[in-house]
Amino acid sequence: MATYKIDAAHSEITFKVKHLMITNVSGGFSKFDATMESSAEDFSDAVISFEADVDSISTNNEQRDTHLKSADFFHAEQFPKITFKSTAFEKESGNEYKMKGDLTIFGITKPVTLNVEHGGNVVDPWGQKKEGFEIEGKIKRGDFGLKWNALTEAGGAVVSDDVRLFLNVQMIKQA
């Protein structure tokens, strides 16, 4: 069984959500951790766990970030972590996978399916074997209790319920 840990310095955990239904606001988390265990060369038996510190959320706007950490959204004080535990890592074809698992946000756990592309592997200049993955998916924030919203003058939502997830991840094989 090989164990891999995330290389946080070379990974990004980001999201996009529609604002006023006309543009996207992007954000991410700067503090996170992940582990992957797999015996199979093609990772078809991979078991993945991930967590992000809600307090590390950033959308490059301090006022918005403070609001996101409040009880209106993530309630970081009461629910400091977002977690994910895989239940299946299924090879679709070539380097494409479906990763299924349980995502917990705001204390609410729901099953999600994410698309994964394995970008390959390399041994870095320091002798570490690294595996690269791009992960994408979409969730509905309301499913996780993140229901705050306001309406525009025309009656449209200020913040979309759909949140698109984008993770670019380097995993380091542990000795």
Protein backbone atom coordinates (compact mmCIF):
# COMPACT_ATOMS: atom_id res chain seq x y z
CA MET A 1 0.00 0.00 0.00
CA ALA A 2 1.48 3.34 -1.05
CA THR A 3 0.64 6.49 0.90
CA TYR A 4 0.67 9.95 -0.65
CA LYS A 5 0.40 13.34 1.10
CA ILE A 6 -0.63 16.56 -0.60
CA ASP A 7 2.10 19.02 -1.55
CA ALA A 8 0.26 22.13 -0.36
CA ALA A 9 2.87 24.48 -1.84
CA HIS A 10 2.09 23.14 -5.32
CA SER A 11 -1.66 22.58 -5.01
CA GLU A 12 -4.73 24.83 -5.29
CA ILE A 13 -8.18 24.35 -3.80
CA THR A 14 -10.49 26.82 -5.54
CA PHE A 15 -14.14 27.47 -6.35
CA LYS A 16 -16.30 29.75 -8.48
CA VAL A 17 -19.81 30.97 -7.82
CA LYS A 18 -22.01 33.30 -9.90
CA HIS A 19 -22.51 36.76 -8.43
CA LEU A 20 -25.62 38.66 -9.55
CA MET A 21 -25.93 35.80 -12.07
CA ILE A 22 -23.70 37.69 -14.55
CA THR A 23 -20.10 37.07 -13.43
CA ASN A 24 -18.14 34.60 -11.36
CA VAL A 25 -16.44 35.28 -8.05
CA SER A 26 -13.48 33.00 -7.42
CA GLY A 27 -12.06 31.94 -4.12
CA GLY A 28 -9.98 29.30 -2.47
CA PHE A 29 -8.55 27.87 0.70
CA SER A 30 -4.91 28.36 1.69
CA LYS A 31 -4.80 25.79 4.52
CA PHE A 32 -5.68 22.22 3.63
CA ASP A 33 -4.45 18.65 3.93
CA ALA A 34 -5.02 15.45 1.97
CA THR A 35 -3.92 11.83 2.05
CA MET A 36 -4.28 9.15 -0.61
CA GLU A 37 -3.63 5.44 -0.15
CA SER A 38 -3.50 3.05 -3.08
CA SER A 39 -2.07 -0.38 -3.94
CA ALA A 40 -3.01 -0.30 -7.63
CA GLU A 41 -0.69 1.33 -10.18
CA ASP A 42 -3.74 2.95 -11.83
CA PHE A 43 -5.12 4.18 -8.46
CA SER A 44 -8.39 2.27 -9.03
CA ASP A 45 -8.41 1.31 -5.34
CA ALA A 46 -7.41 4.76 -4.06
CA VAL A 47 -8.85 5.97 -0.77
CA ILE A 48 -8.66 9.74 -0.36
CA SER A 49 -9.29 12.00 2.60
CA PHE A 50 -9.19 15.79 2.47
CA GLU A 51 -9.85 18.70 4.80
CA ALA A 52 -9.72 22.48 4.43
CA ASP A 53 -9.66 25.09 7.17
CA VAL A 54 -12.71 27.31 6.66
CA ASP A 55 -10.84 30.21 8.29
CA SER A 56 -8.35 30.15 5.38
CA ILE A 57 -11.00 31.04 2.77
CA SER A 58 -10.02 33.92 0.50
CA THR A 59 -11.87 35.66 -2.31
CA ASN A 60 -9.43 38.60 -2.36
CA ASN A 61 -11.98 40.76 -0.56
CA GLU A 62 -11.67 41.02 3.23
CA GLN A 63 -15.28 42.13 3.80
CA ARG A 64 -16.67 39.25 1.72
CA ASP A 65 -14.30 36.75 3.39
CA THR A 66 -15.47 37.88 6.83
CA HIS A 67 -19.08 37.43 5.71
CA LEU A 68 -18.30 33.93 4.34
CA LYS A 69 -16.78 32.91 7.70
CA SER A 70 -19.85 34.18 9.59
CA ALA A 71 -22.97 32.23 10.58
CA ASP A 72 -24.63 33.46 7.34
CA PHE A 73 -22.41 31.05 5.41
CA PHE A 74 -19.76 28.64 6.73
CA HIS A 75 -19.98 29.56 10.46
CA ALA A 76 -16.21 28.92 10.77
CA GLU A 77 -16.28 29.18 14.56
CA GLN A 78 -18.70 26.27 14.93
CA PHE A 79 -17.69 24.31 11.78
CA PRO A 80 -13.95 24.97 11.30
CA LYS A 81 -13.32 22.23 8.70
CA ILE A 82 -14.65 21.14 5.34
CA THR A 83 -13.94 17.43 4.90
CA PHE A 84 -14.13 14.85 2.15
CA LYS A 85 -13.76 11.06 2.41
CA SER A 86 -13.79 9.04 -0.80
CA THR A 87 -16.06 6.02 -1.16
CA ALA A 88 -14.92 5.04 -4.69
CA PHE A 89 -12.25 6.03 -7.22
CA GLU A 90 -13.40 4.58 -10.53
CA LYS A 91 -11.34 4.57 -13.70
CA GLU A 92 -13.45 5.79 -16.63
CA SER A 93 -10.88 5.59 -19.46
CA GLY A 94 -7.25 6.51 -19.98
CA ASN A 95 -6.37 9.02 -17.28
CA GLU A 96 -9.99 9.96 -16.45
CA TYR A 97 -11.67 8.93 -13.18
CA LYS A 98 -14.84 9.50 -11.19
CA MET A 99 -14.24 10.08 -7.50
CA LYS A 100 -17.22 9.53 -5.25
CA GLY A 101 -17.29 10.42 -1.61
CA ASP A 102 -18.87 12.15 1.33
CA LEU A 103 -18.41 15.92 1.54
CA THR A 104 -19.10 17.64 4.86
CA ILE A 105 -19.71 21.40 5.00
CA PHE A 106 -21.46 23.27 7.81
CA GLY A 107 -21.86 19.95 9.65
CA ILE A 108 -23.93 18.48 6.80
CA THR A 109 -22.62 15.43 4.90
CA LYS A 110 -23.76 14.67 1.35
CA PRO A 111 -22.48 12.32 -1.35
CA VAL A 112 -20.72 13.99 -4.29
CA THR A 113 -19.13 12.81 -7.52
CA LEU A 114 -16.10 14.65 -8.90
CA ASN A 115 -14.31 14.32 -12.23
CA VAL A 116 -10.60 13.56 -11.93
CA GLU A 117 -7.87 13.74 -14.54
CA HIS A 118 -4.54 12.12 -13.65
CA GLY A 119 -1.87 14.39 -15.14
CA GLY A 120 0.92 11.87 -14.70
CA ASN A 121 3.89 11.47 -12.42
CA VAL A 122 7.46 12.65 -12.13
CA VAL A 123 10.39 12.43 -9.76
CA ASP A 124 11.25 15.98 -8.70
CA PRO A 125 14.85 17.30 -8.32
CA TRP A 126 14.81 16.22 -4.64
CA GLY A 127 13.97 12.59 -5.42
CA GLN A 128 10.30 12.77 -4.44
CA LYS A 129 7.80 10.88 -6.63
CA LYS A 130 4.84 13.13 -7.35
CA GLU A 131 1.46 12.43 -8.93
CA GLY A 132 -0.63 15.25 -10.42
CA PHE A 133 -4.42 15.43 -10.47
CA GLU A 134 -7.00 17.96 -11.68
CA ILE A 135 -10.37 17.59 -9.98
CA GLU A 136 -13.60 19.33 -10.97
CA GLY A 137 -17.16 19.16 -9.81
CA LYS A 138 -20.26 21.09 -8.92
CA ILE A 139 -22.26 21.20 -5.72
CA LYS A 140 -25.34 23.08 -4.57
CA ARG A 141 -24.43 25.14 -1.52
CA GLY A 142 -28.02 24.99 -0.26
CA ASP A 143 -27.64 21.20 0.10
CA PHE A 144 -25.04 21.95 2.78
CA GLY A 145 -27.07 24.52 4.69
CA LEU A 146 -25.39 27.55 3.06
CA LYS A 147 -28.66 29.24 2.21
CA TRP A 148 -27.98 32.95 2.76
CA ASN A 149 -28.99 35.07 -0.19
CA ALA A 150 -30.41 38.43 -1.12
CA LEU A 151 -32.38 39.49 -4.15
CA THR A 152 -31.50 42.09 -6.73
CA GLU A 153 -33.90 44.87 -7.64
CA ALA A 154 -35.14 42.69 -10.50
CA GLY A 155 -35.72 39.74 -8.15
CA GLY A 156 -32.67 37.68 -9.14
CA ALA A 157 -30.33 35.97 -6.70
CA VAL A 158 -27.19 37.77 -5.55
CA VAL A 159 -25.30 34.47 -5.14
CA SER A 160 -25.94 31.33 -7.19
CA ASP A 161 -26.74 28.04 -5.48
CA ASP A 162 -24.31 26.29 -7.84
CA VAL A 163 -20.67 26.24 -6.77
CA ARG A 164 -18.04 24.90 -9.15
CA LEU A 165 -15.00 23.24 -7.58
CA PHE A 166 -11.51 23.21 -9.12
CA LEU A 167 -8.63 21.41 -7.42
CA ASN A 168 -5.13 21.17 -8.86
CA VAL A 169 -3.24 18.75 -6.68
CA GLN A 170 0.27 17.35 -6.43
CA MET A 171 0.59 14.31 -4.20
CA ILE A 172 3.97 13.19 -2.81
CA LYS A 173 4.62 9.47 -2.35
CA GLN A 174 5.71 8.82 1.21
CA ALA A 175 8.79 6.69 1.94
